[in-house]
Amino acid sequence: MSPELARLGHVALETPNIDESAAFFRDAVGLEEVTRSDGTIYLRAVDEFDHHSMSLTEADSEGVDHIGWQTKTETGLSEFASQLEDQGIDITWIDAGEEAGQGKAIRFSTPTGNEFEFYHEMEKPDPPEERRSKLKNRTYSPTKTNPIAPSRIDHVQIWDPDANKFVEWLKETLGFRVHEYYDRRDGSRWGTWMSASETKIEAAIIDDEEQEKSPALHHVAYKVETANDLFDAKDAMNEEGYTTDGIGQHSISRGKFLYARDSATNHRIEFNSGSYLVFDPNWEPIAWQEGYLEDEDPPGSRQWVGQIESKERVFY
């Protein structure tokens, strides 16, 4: 049996100003700071049990160090390592504890240049007693968290000049399933929405038409409960003076969105609500074609309501 991934686990971001970035992700967005270790701040959302789903590391410039995925089994790490090495991919083994709260892991560059990490074990620390919920199945008390704080990590959107090759590799090597895709009028593929689990998206892979560019992260999405939370988040970003890049509802995935950016780095978060789960093993990918929604405003926006206002992205 081939090794399998369980889910998207975390993103490791780099920033030239860790205090400014922490002020955005922790104080404005509402992620919880778990610990600081060796120049890195580890954060998690308020309803997550794992040690972290985001890290911020001080660096000379903004960047993405890696995107982390959890394997279903511990043996899956060595199995994936062998499989990747058979493809000629260099593997770096990471000792347990080198990334705070995490067991041993492997890191590697995908064939198109995305930086991935696979791990299996991660600690599940308790929050401070004064912040803890009385419910055993809830982490932080909602009465003691940022009112707009998202609940969990949801997906990443990656822009890649060789997106189609990357999509095929994700399917064939890592077992990702395609849930939706969007083709341009000429039949070329613009975007593919994929997942290693039952969520509708864990990786949205977008064809970056600026061919001189390298693969990059457009945003990391975190889940909020309702569309009303998006307006509360917009209000909070306005009050705090952070850039927002559009609010609305996607046609693809049906998710409602608000994008906001860290002013120190252009790292972007999507507050995301709604959409669906995919439990059907015989799921047929939903096909979209440019022009299907004739009333798109502006044309080509690919959105049901509103639009995304910035292509700014951060490179590995």
Protein backbone atom coordinates (compact mmCIF):
# COMPACT_ATOMS: atom_id res chain seq x y z
CA MET A 1 0.00 0.00 0.00
CA SER A 2 1.31 3.45 -0.89
CA PRO A 3 1.95 5.94 1.94
CA GLU A 4 -0.77 8.53 2.46
CA LEU A 5 -1.04 12.08 3.68
CA ALA A 6 -3.62 12.92 6.33
CA ARG A 7 -3.98 16.68 5.89
CA LEU A 8 -2.43 20.12 5.61
CA GLY A 9 -0.64 20.82 8.88
CA HIS A 10 1.16 24.15 8.92
CA VAL A 11 2.98 26.87 7.03
CA ALA A 12 6.42 28.22 7.99
CA LEU A 13 6.76 31.89 7.04
CA GLU A 14 9.81 34.17 7.11
CA THR A 15 9.76 37.87 7.97
CA PRO A 16 12.35 40.67 8.25
CA ASN A 17 10.39 42.14 11.17
CA ILE A 18 9.11 39.40 13.45
CA ASP A 19 7.51 41.81 15.92
CA GLU A 20 5.45 43.55 13.19
CA SER A 21 4.40 40.21 11.71
CA ALA A 22 3.47 38.87 15.15
CA ALA A 23 1.38 41.99 15.75
CA PHE A 24 -0.58 41.18 12.60
CA PHE A 25 -1.07 37.44 12.93
CA ARG A 26 -1.41 37.33 16.71
CA ASP A 27 -2.92 40.63 17.81
CA ALA A 28 -5.01 41.58 14.75
CA VAL A 29 -5.92 38.21 13.19
CA GLY A 30 -6.18 36.44 16.53
CA LEU A 31 -3.90 33.42 16.22
CA GLU A 32 -2.55 32.27 19.57
CA GLU A 33 1.17 32.39 20.36
CA VAL A 34 2.20 28.98 21.68
CA THR A 35 5.92 29.49 22.22
CA ARG A 36 9.10 31.19 20.96
CA SER A 37 12.21 29.19 20.17
CA ASP A 38 15.46 30.06 18.35
CA GLY A 39 14.07 33.14 16.63
CA THR A 40 10.77 31.54 15.66
CA ILE A 41 7.27 32.26 16.96
CA TYR A 42 4.83 29.33 16.81
CA LEU A 43 1.12 30.06 16.47
CA ARG A 44 -2.12 28.13 16.27
CA ALA A 45 -5.79 28.94 15.75
CA VAL A 46 -8.13 29.00 18.72
CA ASP A 47 -9.85 25.65 18.04
CA GLU A 48 -6.73 23.70 17.05
CA PHE A 49 -5.27 21.02 19.30
CA ASP A 50 -1.89 20.67 17.58
CA HIS A 51 1.15 22.63 18.72
CA HIS A 52 1.09 25.04 15.76
CA SER A 53 -0.30 25.65 12.29
CA MET A 54 1.91 28.65 11.50
CA SER A 55 5.41 29.76 12.38
CA LEU A 56 7.14 33.11 11.89
CA THR A 57 10.94 33.13 11.63
CA GLU A 58 13.20 36.21 11.54
CA ALA A 59 15.00 36.41 8.18
CA ASP A 60 16.65 38.97 5.91
CA SER A 61 13.51 39.23 3.77
CA GLU A 62 10.01 37.83 3.55
CA GLY A 63 9.72 34.25 2.35
CA VAL A 64 8.08 30.87 2.73
CA ASP A 65 10.35 28.26 4.29
CA HIS A 66 8.01 25.31 3.81
CA ILE A 67 4.45 24.00 3.81
CA GLY A 68 3.92 21.13 6.24
CA TRP A 69 1.74 18.05 5.67
CA GLN A 70 0.96 15.33 8.21
CA THR A 71 1.28 11.69 7.17
CA LYS A 72 -1.32 9.13 8.21
CA THR A 73 1.30 6.84 9.77
CA GLU A 74 4.77 7.18 11.22
CA THR A 75 6.12 4.66 8.71
CA GLY A 76 4.73 6.88 5.99
CA LEU A 77 7.69 9.22 6.50
CA SER A 78 10.31 6.66 5.49
CA GLU A 79 8.03 5.28 2.77
CA PHE A 80 7.56 8.72 1.26
CA ALA A 81 11.31 9.38 1.61
CA SER A 82 12.13 6.25 -0.40
CA GLN A 83 9.51 7.03 -3.00
CA LEU A 84 10.79 10.59 -3.44
CA GLU A 85 14.43 9.53 -3.58
CA ASP A 86 13.50 7.05 -6.31
CA GLN A 87 12.36 10.10 -8.29
CA GLY A 88 15.74 11.75 -7.76
CA ILE A 89 14.45 14.20 -5.14
CA ASP A 90 16.88 15.11 -2.35
CA ILE A 91 15.50 14.50 1.15
CA THR A 92 16.60 16.28 4.33
CA TRP A 93 15.69 14.55 7.59
CA ILE A 94 14.69 16.87 10.45
CA ASP A 95 15.23 15.66 14.00
CA ALA A 96 12.35 15.61 16.47
CA GLY A 97 12.19 18.91 18.31
CA GLU A 98 14.15 20.88 15.71
CA GLU A 99 10.80 22.39 14.81
CA ALA A 100 9.22 23.08 18.19
CA GLY A 101 6.50 20.62 19.19
CA GLN A 102 7.05 18.37 16.20
CA GLY A 103 8.47 14.89 15.75
CA LYS A 104 10.95 13.88 13.09
CA ALA A 105 10.21 15.05 9.57
CA ILE A 106 11.48 15.18 6.02
CA ARG A 107 11.88 18.31 3.90
CA PHE A 108 12.32 18.49 0.14
CA SER A 109 11.70 20.55 -2.97
CA THR A 110 8.95 19.32 -5.29
CA PRO A 111 9.81 18.92 -8.99
CA THR A 112 8.53 22.45 -9.72
CA GLY A 113 10.27 24.07 -6.74
CA ASN A 114 7.75 24.17 -3.90
CA GLU A 115 9.21 23.55 -0.44
CA PHE A 116 7.35 20.80 1.46
CA GLU A 117 7.74 19.11 4.82
CA PHE A 118 6.16 15.81 5.90
CA TYR A 119 5.78 14.88 9.57
CA HIS A 120 3.59 12.55 11.58
CA GLU A 121 3.82 13.46 15.26
CA MET A 122 3.05 16.82 16.82
CA GLU A 123 2.49 17.75 20.45
CA LYS A 124 -0.92 18.86 21.69
CA PRO A 125 -0.09 21.36 24.44
CA ASP A 126 -2.67 22.89 26.76
CA PRO A 127 -3.18 26.65 26.70
CA PRO A 128 -2.48 28.60 29.90
CA GLU A 129 -4.95 27.77 32.64
CA GLU A 130 -6.47 31.26 32.55
CA ARG A 131 -7.17 30.95 28.79
CA ARG A 132 -8.40 27.36 28.75
CA SER A 133 -11.98 26.38 27.96
CA LYS A 134 -13.86 24.34 30.53
CA LEU A 135 -15.00 22.08 27.69
CA LYS A 136 -12.53 19.23 27.25
CA ASN A 137 -13.11 19.20 23.49
CA ARG A 138 -12.39 22.91 23.04
CA THR A 139 -8.96 24.52 23.39
CA TYR A 140 -9.30 28.21 24.28
CA SER A 141 -12.26 29.83 25.98
CA PRO A 142 -13.99 31.97 23.32
CA THR A 143 -14.62 34.62 25.98
CA LYS A 144 -10.85 35.17 26.25
CA THR A 145 -9.79 35.25 22.60
CA ASN A 146 -9.78 37.85 19.85
CA PRO A 147 -13.43 38.19 18.68
CA ILE A 148 -12.46 37.52 15.03
CA ALA A 149 -10.00 34.72 15.79
CA PRO A 150 -10.24 31.94 13.15
CA SER A 151 -10.79 28.36 14.27
CA ARG A 152 -8.36 26.27 12.15
CA ILE A 153 -6.09 26.22 9.14
CA ASP A 154 -7.99 25.43 5.95
CA HIS A 155 -5.87 25.60 2.77
CA VAL A 156 -3.01 27.20 0.87
CA GLN A 157 -3.07 28.76 -2.58
CA ILE A 158 0.11 28.22 -4.59
CA TRP A 159 0.96 30.02 -7.85
CA ASP A 160 3.26 28.00 -10.09
CA PRO A 161 4.50 28.73 -13.65
CA ASP A 162 4.42 24.95 -14.21
CA ALA A 163 1.11 24.39 -12.46
CA ASN A 164 -0.14 21.50 -14.60
CA LYS A 165 3.04 19.49 -14.01
CA PHE A 166 2.77 20.18 -10.28
CA VAL A 167 -0.89 19.09 -10.20
CA GLU A 168 -0.09 15.79 -11.92
CA TRP A 169 2.76 15.17 -9.48
CA LEU A 170 0.52 15.88 -6.48
CA LYS A 171 -2.01 13.39 -7.83
CA GLU A 172 0.38 10.61 -8.83
CA THR A 173 2.98 10.84 -6.07
CA LEU A 174 1.10 12.21 -3.05
CA GLY A 175 -2.42 10.95 -3.74
CA PHE A 176 -4.19 14.31 -3.89
CA ARG A 177 -7.70 14.31 -5.34
CA VAL A 178 -9.01 17.00 -7.68
CA HIS A 179 -12.31 18.46 -6.48
CA GLU A 180 -12.74 21.35 -8.92
CA TYR A 181 -10.87 22.91 -11.83
CA TYR A 182 -11.16 25.99 -14.06
CA ASP A 183 -10.22 26.21 -17.76
CA ARG A 184 -9.67 29.32 -19.84
CA ARG A 185 -11.58 29.88 -23.09
CA ASP A 186 -8.71 28.33 -25.07
CA GLY A 187 -8.98 25.13 -23.01
CA SER A 188 -5.81 25.70 -20.97
CA ARG A 189 -6.01 25.03 -17.25
CA TRP A 190 -6.00 28.14 -15.02
CA GLY A 191 -6.53 26.55 -11.60
CA THR A 192 -7.00 23.21 -9.85
CA TRP A 193 -8.49 22.74 -6.38
CA MET A 194 -7.15 19.65 -4.60
CA SER A 195 -7.12 17.93 -1.23
CA ALA A 196 -5.38 15.08 0.57
CA SER A 197 -8.40 14.78 2.90
CA GLU A 198 -12.18 15.26 2.74
CA THR A 199 -12.08 19.05 2.80
CA LYS A 200 -12.95 20.71 -0.49
CA ILE A 201 -9.54 22.41 -0.79
CA GLU A 202 -6.21 21.97 0.91
CA ALA A 203 -4.13 23.18 -2.03
CA ALA A 204 -5.36 25.51 -4.76
CA ILE A 205 -2.81 25.41 -7.60
CA ILE A 206 -2.94 28.43 -9.91
CA ASP A 207 -1.17 28.74 -13.26
CA ASP A 208 1.14 31.76 -12.85
CA GLU A 209 1.21 33.43 -16.25
CA GLU A 210 4.33 35.43 -15.36
CA GLN A 211 6.62 32.67 -16.58
CA GLU A 212 9.80 34.22 -15.19
CA LYS A 213 8.43 33.87 -11.68
CA SER A 214 9.17 30.97 -9.34
CA PRO A 215 6.46 29.11 -7.38
CA ALA A 216 5.01 31.28 -4.65
CA LEU A 217 2.39 31.33 -1.89
CA HIS A 218 -0.53 33.67 -2.55
CA HIS A 219 -2.28 33.05 0.77
CA VAL A 220 -2.92 30.71 3.65
CA ALA A 221 -6.59 30.36 4.57
CA TYR A 222 -8.05 29.96 8.04
CA LYS A 223 -11.63 28.98 8.76
CA VAL A 224 -14.20 31.23 10.48
CA GLU A 225 -17.70 30.14 11.38
CA THR A 226 -20.00 32.46 9.42
CA ALA A 227 -20.04 35.15 6.74
CA ASN A 228 -20.76 37.69 9.48
CA ASP A 229 -17.27 36.95 10.84
CA LEU A 230 -15.82 38.21 7.56
CA PHE A 231 -17.39 41.63 8.10
CA ASP A 232 -16.14 41.69 11.69
CA ALA A 233 -12.67 40.82 10.38
CA LYS A 234 -12.89 43.59 7.77
CA ASP A 235 -13.90 46.02 10.49
CA ALA A 236 -10.95 44.91 12.65
CA MET A 237 -8.45 45.23 9.79
CA ASN A 238 -9.73 48.75 9.04
CA GLU A 239 -9.39 49.72 12.69
CA GLU A 240 -5.86 48.29 12.87
CA GLY A 241 -4.81 49.82 9.54
CA TYR A 242 -4.02 46.59 7.66
CA THR A 243 -4.47 46.16 3.90
CA THR A 244 -7.40 44.06 2.73
CA ASP A 245 -7.59 42.59 -0.77
CA GLY A 246 -11.27 41.94 -1.33
CA ILE A 247 -14.32 40.39 0.29
CA GLY A 248 -16.97 38.20 -1.34
CA GLN A 249 -17.79 34.63 -2.34
CA HIS A 250 -15.89 32.36 -4.71
CA SER A 251 -17.81 30.58 -7.44
CA ILE A 252 -15.21 27.79 -7.31
CA SER A 253 -15.48 26.01 -3.91
CA ARG A 254 -18.43 28.23 -2.88
CA GLY A 255 -16.31 29.62 -0.05
CA LYS A 256 -16.84 33.12 1.29
CA PHE A 257 -13.67 35.16 1.79
CA LEU A 258 -11.84 38.18 3.12
CA TYR A 259 -8.14 38.68 2.36
CA ALA A 260 -5.84 40.69 4.62
CA ARG A 261 -2.07 41.30 4.49
CA ASP A 262 0.79 41.66 6.95
CA SER A 263 2.26 45.10 6.18
CA ALA A 264 5.80 43.92 7.01
CA THR A 265 5.90 41.10 4.46
CA ASN A 266 2.82 40.93 2.19
CA HIS A 267 2.07 37.52 3.72
CA ARG A 268 -1.67 37.20 3.16
CA ILE A 269 -4.32 35.44 5.21
CA GLU A 270 -7.74 34.50 3.93
CA PHE A 271 -10.58 34.42 6.43
CA ASN A 272 -12.71 31.68 4.88
CA SER A 273 -16.26 30.52 5.58
CA GLY A 274 -18.64 28.02 4.05
CA SER A 275 -18.13 25.52 1.22
CA TYR A 276 -18.47 21.73 1.49
CA LEU A 277 -16.82 18.40 2.33
CA VAL A 278 -16.15 15.51 -0.06
CA PHE A 279 -16.68 12.01 1.38
CA ASP A 280 -17.61 10.31 -1.90
CA PRO A 281 -14.73 8.09 -3.15
CA ASN A 282 -16.25 8.32 -6.64
CA TRP A 283 -16.33 12.12 -6.70
CA GLU A 284 -16.26 13.59 -10.20
CA PRO A 285 -14.31 16.87 -10.32
CA ILE A 286 -16.45 19.93 -10.99
CA ALA A 287 -15.41 21.58 -14.26
CA TRP A 288 -15.57 25.35 -14.78
CA GLN A 289 -14.97 27.19 -18.04
CA GLU A 290 -14.20 30.86 -18.54
CA GLY A 291 -17.38 32.64 -19.60
CA TYR A 292 -19.75 30.22 -17.83
CA LEU A 293 -20.75 32.98 -15.41
CA GLU A 294 -21.68 35.67 -17.94
CA ASP A 295 -22.52 38.22 -15.25
CA GLU A 296 -19.08 38.17 -13.61
CA ASP A 297 -18.20 41.71 -12.55
CA PRO A 298 -15.55 42.41 -13.67
CA PRO A 299 -15.45 39.77 -16.46
CA GLY A 300 -12.90 37.06 -15.72
CA SER A 301 -12.93 37.69 -11.97
CA ARG A 302 -13.99 34.06 -11.40
CA GLN A 303 -15.93 35.17 -8.31
CA TRP A 304 -19.61 34.86 -7.46
CA VAL A 305 -19.59 38.00 -5.29
CA GLY A 306 -16.78 40.56 -5.07
CA GLN A 307 -13.23 40.00 -6.28
CA ILE A 308 -9.60 39.47 -5.25
CA GLU A 309 -7.80 42.76 -5.65
CA SER A 310 -4.10 41.81 -5.53
CA LYS A 311 -1.76 39.29 -7.13
CA GLU A 312 1.02 40.02 -4.63
CA ARG A 313 2.57 36.77 -3.46
CA VAL A 314 5.59 35.64 -1.42
CA PHE A 315 8.27 33.34 -2.80
CA TYR A 316 10.10 30.43 -1.21
